[in-house]
N, C-alpha and C. Protein backbone atom coordinates (compact mmCIF):
# COMPACT_ATOMS: atom_id res chain seq x y z
N ASP A 1 2.31 -25.56 -57.71
CA ASP A 1 2.63 -26.36 -57.76
C ASP A 1 2.36 -27.43 -58.57
N ASP A 2 2.99 -29.00 -59.19
CA ASP A 2 2.76 -29.80 -59.79
C ASP A 2 1.97 -30.78 -58.70
N ILE A 3 2.91 -31.20 -57.92
CA ILE A 3 2.50 -32.40 -56.99
C ILE A 3 0.86 -32.11 -56.56
N GLN A 4 0.23 -32.48 -56.32
CA GLN A 4 -1.17 -33.15 -55.68
C GLN A 4 -1.02 -33.39 -54.36
N LYS A 5 -2.30 -32.67 -54.03
CA LYS A 5 -2.13 -32.42 -51.73
C LYS A 5 -3.31 -33.67 -51.64
N ILE A 6 -3.32 -34.38 -50.93
CA ILE A 6 -4.32 -35.15 -50.24
C ILE A 6 -4.52 -34.40 -48.83
N CYS A 7 -5.84 -34.14 -48.98
CA CYS A 7 -6.05 -33.47 -47.42
C CYS A 7 -6.76 -35.32 -46.38
N LEU A 8 -6.78 -35.50 -45.34
CA LEU A 8 -7.21 -35.99 -44.50
C LEU A 8 -8.15 -35.05 -43.14
N LEU A 9 -9.33 -35.38 -43.95
CA LEU A 9 -10.08 -34.41 -42.61
C LEU A 9 -11.54 -35.36 -41.38
N ALA A 10 -11.13 -35.11 -40.04
CA ALA A 10 -11.14 -35.57 -39.15
C ALA A 10 -12.60 -35.08 -39.34
N HIS A 11 -13.38 -36.28 -38.97
CA HIS A 11 -15.36 -36.48 -38.78
C HIS A 11 -15.35 -36.37 -37.40
N THR A 12 -15.33 -37.63 -36.61
CA THR A 12 -15.74 -37.64 -35.70
C THR A 12 -14.63 -37.49 -34.53
N PHE A 13 -15.87 -37.05 -32.81
CA PHE A 13 -14.42 -36.15 -32.33
C PHE A 13 -15.30 -37.15 -30.91
N PRO A 14 -14.05 -37.21 -30.03
CA PRO A 14 -14.68 -37.55 -28.23
C PRO A 14 -15.43 -37.24 -27.64
N PRO A 15 -16.53 -37.97 -27.36
CA PRO A 15 -16.64 -39.33 -26.77
C PRO A 15 -16.86 -40.50 -27.49
N HIS A 16 -17.71 -39.75 -29.30
CA HIS A 16 -18.46 -40.43 -30.16
C HIS A 16 -16.88 -41.36 -30.65
N ALA A 17 -15.70 -41.11 -31.06
CA ALA A 17 -14.47 -41.49 -31.85
C ALA A 17 -13.60 -39.99 -32.04
N ASN A 18 -12.43 -40.35 -32.47
CA ASN A 18 -11.33 -40.04 -32.33
C ASN A 18 -9.98 -39.66 -33.53
N GLU A 19 -11.01 -38.94 -34.87
CA GLU A 19 -10.11 -39.18 -35.77
C GLU A 19 -9.09 -38.28 -36.47
N GLY A 20 -9.07 -37.80 -35.35
CA GLY A 20 -8.20 -36.49 -35.50
C GLY A 20 -6.68 -37.45 -34.77
N ARG A 21 -7.09 -38.47 -33.86
CA ARG A 21 -4.96 -38.74 -33.18
C ARG A 21 -5.43 -40.13 -33.97
N VAL A 22 -6.51 -40.62 -34.93
CA VAL A 22 -6.15 -41.84 -35.92
C VAL A 22 -5.19 -41.17 -37.45
N ILE A 23 -5.72 -39.60 -37.71
CA ILE A 23 -4.98 -39.40 -38.16
C ILE A 23 -3.60 -38.63 -38.15
N GLU A 24 -3.54 -38.56 -37.54
CA GLU A 24 -1.96 -37.87 -36.42
C GLU A 24 -1.41 -39.81 -36.75
N GLU A 25 -1.94 -40.53 -35.39
CA GLU A 25 -1.33 -41.50 -35.85
C GLU A 25 -0.88 -42.74 -37.33
N PHE A 26 -1.89 -42.10 -37.96
CA PHE A 26 -1.81 -42.58 -39.77
C PHE A 26 -0.11 -41.71 -40.55
N LEU A 27 -0.09 -40.41 -39.74
CA LEU A 27 1.01 -39.29 -40.54
C LEU A 27 2.54 -40.03 -40.18
N VAL A 28 2.49 -40.62 -39.50
CA VAL A 28 3.94 -41.02 -38.71
C VAL A 28 4.68 -41.94 -39.76
N ARG A 29 3.39 -42.57 -40.29
CA ARG A 29 4.16 -44.03 -41.07
C ARG A 29 4.74 -43.36 -42.53
N PHE A 30 4.17 -41.92 -42.45
CA PHE A 30 4.68 -41.58 -44.34
C PHE A 30 6.55 -40.65 -43.63
N SER A 31 7.02 -40.85 -44.99
CA SER A 31 8.44 -40.40 -44.63
C SER A 31 7.77 -38.56 -44.82
N LYS A 32 9.49 -37.50 -44.18
CA LYS A 32 9.23 -36.31 -44.48
C LYS A 32 8.75 -35.79 -45.75
N GLU A 33 8.83 -36.73 -46.86
CA GLU A 33 8.85 -36.10 -47.97
C GLU A 33 7.32 -36.38 -48.27
N GLU A 34 6.99 -37.05 -48.17
CA GLU A 34 5.37 -37.34 -48.37
C GLU A 34 4.10 -36.88 -47.87
N ARG A 35 4.65 -36.12 -46.43
CA ARG A 35 3.75 -35.89 -45.48
C ARG A 35 3.63 -34.47 -46.23
N GLY A 36 5.02 -34.12 -47.12
CA GLY A 36 4.83 -32.96 -47.21
C GLY A 36 3.85 -32.70 -48.01
N ARG A 37 2.35 -34.07 -48.95
CA ARG A 37 1.75 -33.79 -49.62
C ARG A 37 0.74 -34.03 -48.57
N LEU A 38 0.57 -34.37 -47.72
CA LEU A 38 -0.43 -34.81 -46.83
C LEU A 38 -0.79 -33.33 -45.70
N ILE A 39 -1.71 -32.67 -45.74
CA ILE A 39 -3.09 -31.98 -45.16
C ILE A 39 -3.56 -32.11 -43.94
N ALA A 40 -3.21 -32.26 -42.50
CA ALA A 40 -4.34 -32.69 -41.54
C ALA A 40 -4.97 -32.07 -41.44
N VAL A 41 -6.75 -32.25 -41.02
CA VAL A 41 -7.67 -31.08 -40.50
C VAL A 41 -7.40 -32.04 -39.27
N THR A 42 -7.28 -32.24 -38.11
CA THR A 42 -7.52 -33.00 -37.14
C THR A 42 -8.29 -32.41 -36.20
N SER A 43 -8.75 -31.35 -35.94
CA SER A 43 -9.74 -29.87 -35.09
C SER A 43 -11.25 -29.82 -35.62
N LYS A 44 -11.94 -30.27 -34.54
CA LYS A 44 -13.14 -29.65 -35.18
C LYS A 44 -13.29 -28.34 -36.05
N ILE A 45 -13.96 -28.37 -36.90
CA ILE A 45 -13.94 -27.09 -38.08
C ILE A 45 -15.33 -27.20 -37.97
N ASN A 46 -16.24 -25.87 -38.53
CA ASN A 46 -17.58 -26.25 -38.62
C ASN A 46 -17.81 -26.43 -40.12
N GLN A 47 -19.21 -26.85 -40.14
CA GLN A 47 -20.31 -27.13 -41.55
C GLN A 47 -19.64 -26.63 -43.09
N ILE A 48 -19.62 -25.14 -42.72
CA ILE A 48 -19.10 -24.40 -43.67
C ILE A 48 -17.66 -24.64 -44.45
N ARG A 49 -17.01 -24.36 -43.49
CA ARG A 49 -15.18 -24.48 -43.46
C ARG A 49 -15.73 -26.47 -44.08
N SER A 50 -16.20 -26.96 -43.50
CA SER A 50 -15.62 -28.97 -43.97
C SER A 50 -15.96 -28.17 -46.13
N ARG A 51 -17.47 -27.63 -45.91
CA ARG A 51 -18.00 -28.18 -47.09
C ARG A 51 -16.77 -27.22 -48.43
N PHE A 52 -16.18 -25.93 -47.74
CA PHE A 52 -15.45 -25.49 -48.58
C PHE A 52 -14.20 -26.54 -48.90
N ILE A 53 -13.28 -26.84 -47.58
CA ILE A 53 -12.22 -28.01 -48.05
C ILE A 53 -12.41 -29.18 -49.66
N LEU A 54 -14.18 -29.50 -48.93
CA LEU A 54 -14.42 -30.60 -49.51
C LEU A 54 -14.34 -30.58 -51.07
N GLY A 55 -15.29 -28.96 -51.21
CA GLY A 55 -15.35 -28.52 -52.78
C GLY A 55 -14.15 -28.65 -53.48
N SER A 56 -12.65 -27.76 -52.21
CA SER A 56 -12.37 -27.43 -53.21
C SER A 56 -11.13 -28.99 -53.84
N GLY A 57 -11.31 -29.39 -53.18
CA GLY A 57 -10.89 -30.67 -54.30
C GLY A 57 -10.64 -31.30 -55.18
N MET A 58 -10.59 -32.10 -55.66
CA MET A 58 -10.62 -32.91 -57.16
C MET A 58 -11.74 -33.84 -56.73
N PHE A 59 -11.72 -34.49 -55.95
CA PHE A 59 -13.02 -35.58 -55.55
C PHE A 59 -12.58 -35.81 -54.30
N THR A 60 -13.64 -36.58 -53.38
CA THR A 60 -13.14 -37.28 -51.69
C THR A 60 -13.39 -39.05 -51.91
N ILE A 61 -12.50 -39.13 -50.79
CA ILE A 61 -13.02 -40.53 -51.01
C ILE A 61 -13.31 -40.35 -49.32
N THR A 62 -14.40 -41.02 -48.44
CA THR A 62 -14.86 -40.89 -47.60
C THR A 62 -16.18 -42.45 -47.06
N GLY A 63 -16.21 -43.02 -46.29
CA GLY A 63 -17.00 -44.05 -45.25
C GLY A 63 -18.00 -43.09 -44.50
N ARG A 64 -18.44 -41.18 -45.24
CA ARG A 64 -19.70 -40.08 -44.26
C ARG A 64 -20.45 -40.06 -45.15
N MET A 65 -21.82 -40.24 -44.90
CA MET A 65 -22.87 -40.10 -45.57
C MET A 65 -22.04 -38.58 -45.76
N HIS A 66 -22.08 -37.94 -44.98
CA HIS A 66 -22.31 -36.17 -45.10
C HIS A 66 -21.04 -35.10 -45.52
N ALA A 67 -20.47 -36.12 -45.76
CA ALA A 67 -19.21 -35.60 -46.31
C ALA A 67 -19.14 -35.70 -47.82
N ALA A 68 -19.64 -37.01 -48.19
CA ALA A 68 -19.70 -37.88 -49.58
C ALA A 68 -21.26 -36.33 -50.39
N ILE A 69 -22.34 -36.16 -49.61
CA ILE A 69 -23.60 -34.85 -49.86
C ILE A 69 -22.69 -33.68 -49.90
N SER A 70 -21.85 -33.54 -48.95
CA SER A 70 -21.53 -31.95 -49.65
C SER A 70 -20.76 -32.36 -50.45
N THR A 71 -19.29 -33.12 -50.70
CA THR A 71 -18.64 -33.07 -51.97
C THR A 71 -19.46 -32.57 -53.10
N PHE A 72 -20.81 -33.85 -53.20
CA PHE A 72 -21.54 -33.72 -54.42
C PHE A 72 -22.21 -32.03 -54.05
N GLN A 73 -22.55 -31.36 -53.03
CA GLN A 73 -23.32 -30.35 -53.39
C GLN A 73 -22.50 -29.22 -54.04
N MET A 74 -20.98 -29.44 -54.39
CA MET A 74 -19.72 -28.49 -54.51
C MET A 74 -19.50 -29.06 -56.28
N GLY A 75 -20.07 -29.97 -56.23
CA GLY A 75 -20.15 -30.49 -57.92
C GLY A 75 -19.25 -30.93 -57.97
N LYS A 76 -18.39 -31.64 -56.90
CA LYS A 76 -17.44 -32.58 -57.41
C LYS A 76 -17.97 -34.33 -57.05
N PRO A 77 -16.67 -35.35 -57.27
CA PRO A 77 -17.73 -36.75 -57.13
C PRO A 77 -16.63 -36.86 -55.55
N ALA A 78 -17.58 -38.29 -55.41
CA ALA A 78 -17.36 -38.44 -54.20
C ALA A 78 -17.33 -40.19 -54.41
N ILE A 79 -16.61 -40.87 -53.63
CA ILE A 79 -16.02 -42.38 -53.90
C ILE A 79 -16.46 -42.27 -51.99
N SER A 80 -17.47 -43.28 -52.55
CA SER A 80 -18.96 -43.41 -50.49
C SER A 80 -18.07 -45.12 -50.47
N LEU A 81 -17.60 -45.10 -49.37
CA LEU A 81 -17.58 -46.52 -48.70
C LEU A 81 -18.51 -46.67 -47.69
N SER A 82 -19.10 -47.26 -48.32
CA SER A 82 -20.91 -47.55 -48.02
C SER A 82 -21.15 -49.20 -46.79
N TYR A 83 -21.63 -48.20 -46.00
CA TYR A 83 -22.09 -49.59 -44.72
C TYR A 83 -23.71 -49.42 -44.26
N SER A 84 -24.10 -48.60 -45.56
CA SER A 84 -25.36 -49.37 -44.72
C SER A 84 -26.44 -48.72 -46.11
N ALA A 85 -27.72 -49.64 -46.09
CA ALA A 85 -28.37 -49.33 -47.62
C ALA A 85 -28.64 -47.65 -48.26
N LYS A 86 -28.72 -46.80 -47.27
CA LYS A 86 -28.80 -45.47 -47.17
C LYS A 86 -28.07 -44.43 -48.56
N TYR A 87 -27.11 -44.86 -48.58
CA TYR A 87 -26.01 -44.53 -49.78
C TYR A 87 -26.55 -45.13 -51.20
N GLN A 88 -27.07 -46.11 -51.05
CA GLN A 88 -27.72 -46.20 -52.69
C GLN A 88 -28.37 -45.53 -52.79
N GLY A 89 -30.21 -45.38 -51.69
CA GLY A 89 -31.11 -44.30 -51.33
C GLY A 89 -30.45 -43.16 -52.29
N VAL A 90 -29.68 -42.02 -51.23
CA VAL A 90 -29.43 -40.90 -51.78
C VAL A 90 -27.93 -40.93 -52.89
N ILE A 91 -27.90 -41.82 -52.80
CA ILE A 91 -26.06 -41.60 -53.67
C ILE A 91 -26.76 -41.94 -55.25
N GLY A 92 -27.29 -43.43 -55.39
CA GLY A 92 -27.00 -44.02 -55.81
C GLY A 92 -28.58 -43.97 -56.55
N ILE A 93 -29.88 -43.58 -56.04
CA ILE A 93 -30.72 -43.01 -56.45
C ILE A 93 -30.73 -41.92 -57.01
N ASN A 94 -30.98 -41.16 -55.63
CA ASN A 94 -31.05 -39.84 -55.98
C ASN A 94 -30.01 -39.35 -57.07
N LEU A 95 -29.01 -39.44 -57.04
CA LEU A 95 -27.38 -38.50 -57.53
C LEU A 95 -27.54 -39.45 -58.91
N ASP A 96 -28.14 -40.71 -58.63
CA ASP A 96 -27.80 -41.68 -59.96
C ASP A 96 -26.28 -41.52 -60.25
N ARG A 97 -25.62 -41.99 -59.27
CA ARG A 97 -23.97 -41.97 -59.03
C ARG A 97 -22.99 -42.92 -57.87
N GLY A 98 -24.20 -44.60 -58.18
CA GLY A 98 -24.48 -45.96 -57.86
C GLY A 98 -22.71 -45.81 -58.24
N ASP A 99 -22.07 -45.78 -59.23
CA ASP A 99 -20.45 -45.86 -60.25
C ASP A 99 -20.00 -45.71 -58.82
N LEU A 100 -20.28 -44.83 -57.86
CA LEU A 100 -19.01 -44.24 -56.89
C LEU A 100 -19.47 -44.56 -55.45
N ILE A 101 -20.55 -45.89 -55.29
CA ILE A 101 -20.21 -46.45 -53.87
C ILE A 101 -19.47 -47.74 -54.03
N ILE A 102 -19.12 -47.99 -52.91
CA ILE A 102 -18.30 -49.38 -52.73
C ILE A 102 -18.96 -49.70 -52.17
N GLU A 103 -19.87 -51.24 -51.44
CA GLU A 103 -20.21 -51.75 -51.08
C GLU A 103 -18.99 -51.34 -49.69
N SER A 104 -18.79 -51.56 -48.51
CA SER A 104 -17.20 -51.31 -48.10
C SER A 104 -17.48 -52.00 -46.71
N ASN A 105 -18.97 -52.98 -46.30
CA ASN A 105 -18.95 -53.35 -44.73
C ASN A 105 -18.76 -55.32 -44.53
N ASN A 106 -17.92 -55.28 -45.43
CA ASN A 106 -17.38 -56.61 -45.02
C ASN A 106 -16.21 -56.55 -45.01
N PRO A 107 -15.97 -57.36 -43.53
CA PRO A 107 -14.45 -57.25 -43.00
C PRO A 107 -13.47 -57.73 -43.66
N ASN A 108 -13.54 -59.10 -44.72
CA ASN A 108 -13.17 -59.54 -45.29
C ASN A 108 -12.30 -58.61 -46.36
N LEU A 109 -13.09 -57.23 -47.12
CA LEU A 109 -12.75 -56.67 -47.94
C LEU A 109 -11.06 -55.69 -47.50
N TRP A 110 -11.51 -56.03 -45.98
CA TRP A 110 -11.17 -55.20 -45.29
C TRP A 110 -9.45 -56.18 -45.27
N ASP A 111 -9.92 -57.10 -44.36
CA ASP A 111 -8.40 -57.98 -43.81
C ASP A 111 -7.55 -58.53 -45.45
N SER A 112 -8.16 -58.67 -46.22
CA SER A 112 -7.34 -58.67 -47.29
C SER A 112 -6.71 -57.75 -48.70
N GLY A 113 -7.09 -56.63 -48.08
CA GLY A 113 -6.30 -55.50 -48.69
C GLY A 113 -7.55 -55.28 -49.86
N GLU A 114 -8.57 -55.43 -50.45
CA GLU A 114 -9.67 -55.88 -51.51
C GLU A 114 -9.72 -54.63 -51.72
N ILE A 115 -10.41 -53.79 -50.53
CA ILE A 115 -10.73 -52.33 -50.14
C ILE A 115 -9.50 -51.64 -51.46
N VAL A 116 -8.45 -51.77 -51.42
CA VAL A 116 -7.47 -50.38 -52.04
C VAL A 116 -7.70 -50.89 -53.57
N LYS A 117 -7.96 -52.22 -53.84
CA LYS A 117 -8.29 -52.12 -55.43
C LYS A 117 -9.49 -51.67 -56.17
N LEU A 118 -10.35 -51.95 -54.76
CA LEU A 118 -11.49 -50.93 -54.77
C LEU A 118 -11.45 -49.30 -55.27
N VAL A 119 -11.13 -49.00 -54.61
CA VAL A 119 -11.14 -47.74 -54.33
C VAL A 119 -10.28 -47.11 -55.54
N MET A 120 -8.57 -48.12 -55.94
CA MET A 120 -7.97 -47.25 -57.06
C MET A 120 -9.15 -47.62 -58.38
N ASP A 121 -9.31 -48.42 -58.39
CA ASP A 121 -10.45 -48.53 -59.50
C ASP A 121 -11.32 -47.48 -59.60
N ARG A 122 -12.13 -47.05 -58.58
CA ARG A 122 -12.86 -46.48 -58.88
C ARG A 122 -12.48 -44.69 -58.95
N VAL A 123 -10.60 -44.68 -58.68
CA VAL A 123 -9.89 -43.13 -58.60
C VAL A 123 -9.40 -43.06 -59.90
N ASP A 124 -8.88 -44.01 -60.84
CA ASP A 124 -9.32 -44.67 -61.83
C ASP A 124 -10.31 -44.07 -63.00
N TYR A 125 -11.57 -44.83 -63.01
CA TYR A 125 -12.64 -44.48 -63.20
C TYR A 125 -12.84 -42.81 -62.85
N ILE A 126 -12.84 -42.12 -62.04
CA ILE A 126 -13.13 -40.70 -61.69
C ILE A 126 -12.05 -39.44 -62.50
N PHE A 127 -11.09 -40.42 -63.13
CA PHE A 127 -9.80 -39.45 -63.24
C PHE A 127 -10.21 -39.67 -65.14
N ASN A 128 -10.31 -40.87 -65.34
CA ASN A 128 -10.42 -41.26 -66.92
C ASN A 128 -12.26 -40.37 -67.16
N ASN A 129 -12.77 -39.68 -66.24
CA ASN A 129 -14.66 -39.26 -66.61
C ASN A 129 -14.65 -38.80 -65.60
N TYR A 130 -13.79 -37.44 -65.57
CA TYR A 130 -14.11 -36.33 -64.58
C TYR A 130 -15.12 -35.08 -65.19
N GLU A 131 -14.75 -35.11 -66.54
CA GLU A 131 -15.36 -33.68 -67.11
C GLU A 131 -16.63 -34.49 -66.76
N THR A 132 -17.27 -35.02 -67.48
CA THR A 132 -18.27 -36.01 -67.67
C THR A 132 -19.22 -36.39 -66.50
N LEU A 133 -18.87 -36.76 -65.35
CA LEU A 133 -18.92 -37.06 -64.06
C LEU A 133 -19.40 -35.27 -63.79
N THR A 134 -18.68 -34.13 -63.55
CA THR A 134 -19.24 -33.47 -62.53
C THR A 134 -20.00 -32.42 -63.22
N VAL A 135 -20.29 -33.06 -64.89
CA VAL A 135 -21.41 -31.57 -65.48
C VAL A 135 -22.78 -32.66 -64.53
N SER A 136 -22.56 -34.24 -64.93
CA SER A 136 -23.70 -34.80 -64.72
C SER A 136 -24.50 -34.47 -63.59
N ILE A 137 -23.31 -34.23 -61.77
CA ILE A 137 -23.81 -34.35 -60.18
C ILE A 137 -23.93 -32.55 -60.10
N LYS A 138 -23.72 -32.06 -61.33
CA LYS A 138 -24.14 -30.53 -60.96
C LYS A 138 -25.38 -30.64 -61.33
N ASP A 139 -26.49 -30.92 -62.56
CA ASP A 139 -27.23 -31.22 -63.21
C ASP A 139 -27.57 -32.15 -61.25
N LYS A 140 -27.68 -33.31 -61.56
CA LYS A 140 -28.47 -34.07 -60.34
C LYS A 140 -28.70 -33.31 -59.14
N VAL A 141 -27.62 -32.47 -58.56
CA VAL A 141 -27.78 -31.64 -57.47
C VAL A 141 -28.75 -30.74 -57.44
N GLU A 142 -28.64 -29.94 -58.71
CA GLU A 142 -29.89 -28.82 -58.93
C GLU A 142 -31.41 -29.51 -58.83
N GLN A 143 -31.55 -30.75 -59.62
CA GLN A 143 -32.35 -31.47 -59.91
C GLN A 143 -32.71 -31.85 -58.48
N GLN A 144 -32.22 -31.95 -57.56
CA GLN A 144 -32.75 -32.74 -56.14
C GLN A 144 -32.86 -31.04 -55.51
N ILE A 145 -32.32 -29.90 -55.49
CA ILE A 145 -32.31 -28.45 -54.47
C ILE A 145 -34.02 -28.86 -55.21
N GLU A 146 -34.31 -28.73 -56.56
CA GLU A 146 -35.66 -28.28 -57.09
C GLU A 146 -36.64 -28.84 -56.29
N ILE A 147 -36.49 -30.34 -56.16
CA ILE A 147 -37.50 -31.12 -55.86
C ILE A 147 -38.00 -30.75 -54.36
N VAL A 148 -36.41 -30.25 -53.67
CA VAL A 148 -36.24 -30.07 -51.85
C VAL A 148 -37.40 -28.51 -51.81
N ASP A 149 -37.15 -27.58 -52.87
CA ASP A 149 -37.80 -26.61 -53.09
C ASP A 149 -39.20 -26.33 -53.31
N SER A 150 -40.15 -27.18 -54.17
CA SER A 150 -41.44 -28.28 -54.49
C SER A 150 -41.94 -28.27 -53.60
N CYS A 151 -41.08 -28.92 -52.61
CA CYS A 151 -41.84 -30.06 -50.93
C CYS A 151 -41.51 -29.17 -50.28
N PHE A 152 -40.86 -27.75 -49.91
CA PHE A 152 -41.17 -26.61 -49.08
C PHE A 152 -42.49 -25.77 -49.74
N ASP A 153 -42.34 -25.49 -50.81
CA ASP A 153 -43.98 -24.60 -51.39
C ASP A 153 -45.05 -25.04 -51.51
N ARG A 154 -44.82 -26.76 -51.47
CA ARG A 154 -46.22 -27.31 -50.98
C ARG A 154 -46.74 -27.15 -49.53
N ILE A 155 -45.58 -27.29 -48.53
CA ILE A 155 -45.69 -27.09 -47.07
C ILE A 155 -45.98 -26.06 -47.12
N ILE A 156 -45.62 -24.79 -47.68
CA ILE A 156 -45.57 -23.57 -46.96
C ILE A 156 -47.69 -22.96 -46.99
N ASN A 157 -47.65 -23.71 -49.11
CA ASN A 157 -48.97 -23.51 -49.70
C ASN A 157 -50.22 -24.07 -48.39
N LYS A 158 -49.87 -24.92 -47.97
CA LYS A 158 -51.00 -25.65 -46.98
C LYS A 158 -51.20 -24.45 -45.74
């Protein structure tokens, strides 16, 4: 069908956090019809399954580095809600996707609701540039794989 689905994928679990519970609490805020568009993954799944879910979507919105990287490795864009400088290094510099990073470590963005506007601006950007973005992402990921392979080759040869 033409209705776009949204997947909510839990990443952390007790004793560190309980995103599965947060997702379940979030779902009750929607009507039955709206919940029909939502797919909730609230239990632990392995990394391969997570990567498949992330790569099967059109794009990802995440505050988790591993989810962003897995999405990029699958050739898709990820809007990264950054809370540290590592996002700029890994995603902004290495993958040349600083355009998909939102510096979100500011409580005022969340309190004012401004974060919603910033995310929706990036969503519009992805929709308007999807083909260009996915081609660029695939190229950059391949370049990074070559760099890593080259490093391993040098280590093995030493």
